[in-house]
């Protein structure tokens, strides 16, 4: 009876592992959960901060939206070393980097229109760059297949470094291959506000394909992350139920055998 029970338990565990496979590597990882290999900052008051707005130490906020995850820093003055953070990603097998970049006002609600620039470098090659102002944001999607390192930079945009605190919100690496972006996708464009009444209709018609690029993946990275917590819960419940059933049958069989004797 003991041998039968042991075999039944082993079979139960093997079936459970087959029904609920566990991935060796998560489908995505936030950069703010990794340790950078190097950083360059404006000064000690504006360090690179993880999941908080630099200096203010409040939630990251770009484009009027707060984010729980991201990286934040302030552009250095012109002529000084560029504000930069570098990560070694050679040990990962991810295909894509994505983030939402914008000016971060420390959740103060300001709409200062000074500009700030950004750049994303993969193995020292610029893969995305652009400029935003006020509450504009840029959606960044970059191919990192086979890359060894990734660097994020925050720069001035030719109008000085005043209020040039920027944040890469939801900066993450993930496995899904998607169409990459070559430049910023801005929430607002100057072309619309500067167009004359006579030319507005024509300019809008001609510019529409350029200012509304389809850069957002059909399925967001968050939707692709497996719900490992639910898998573990189901595995535990399944195992407990099967083991309870086997134990009950073993006890019942033993009692029945004893009663015959």
Foldseek 3Di string as FASTA:
>chain_A
DVVVLVVLLVVLLVVLCVVQPDDPDWQKDAPLVDDFPDWDAQDPQWGKHWQAEGNLRHFWAALNDGFRTWIKGFAHWPPDDWTKTKHFCQVDQFFKKKFKKHQTPRPPPDQAFFKKKKFKDFPNHTQEIEMGGGRKIFIFMGTRGNTGMMMITIHGDPPTRPSRMMIGGRTMTGHDDFDGDHYGQIPDDPCQVPDDPVCNVVCCVVCVCPNDPPRADPDHSVVVGDPSVVSVVVSVVSSVVSSVVSVVVVVVVVVVVVVVD
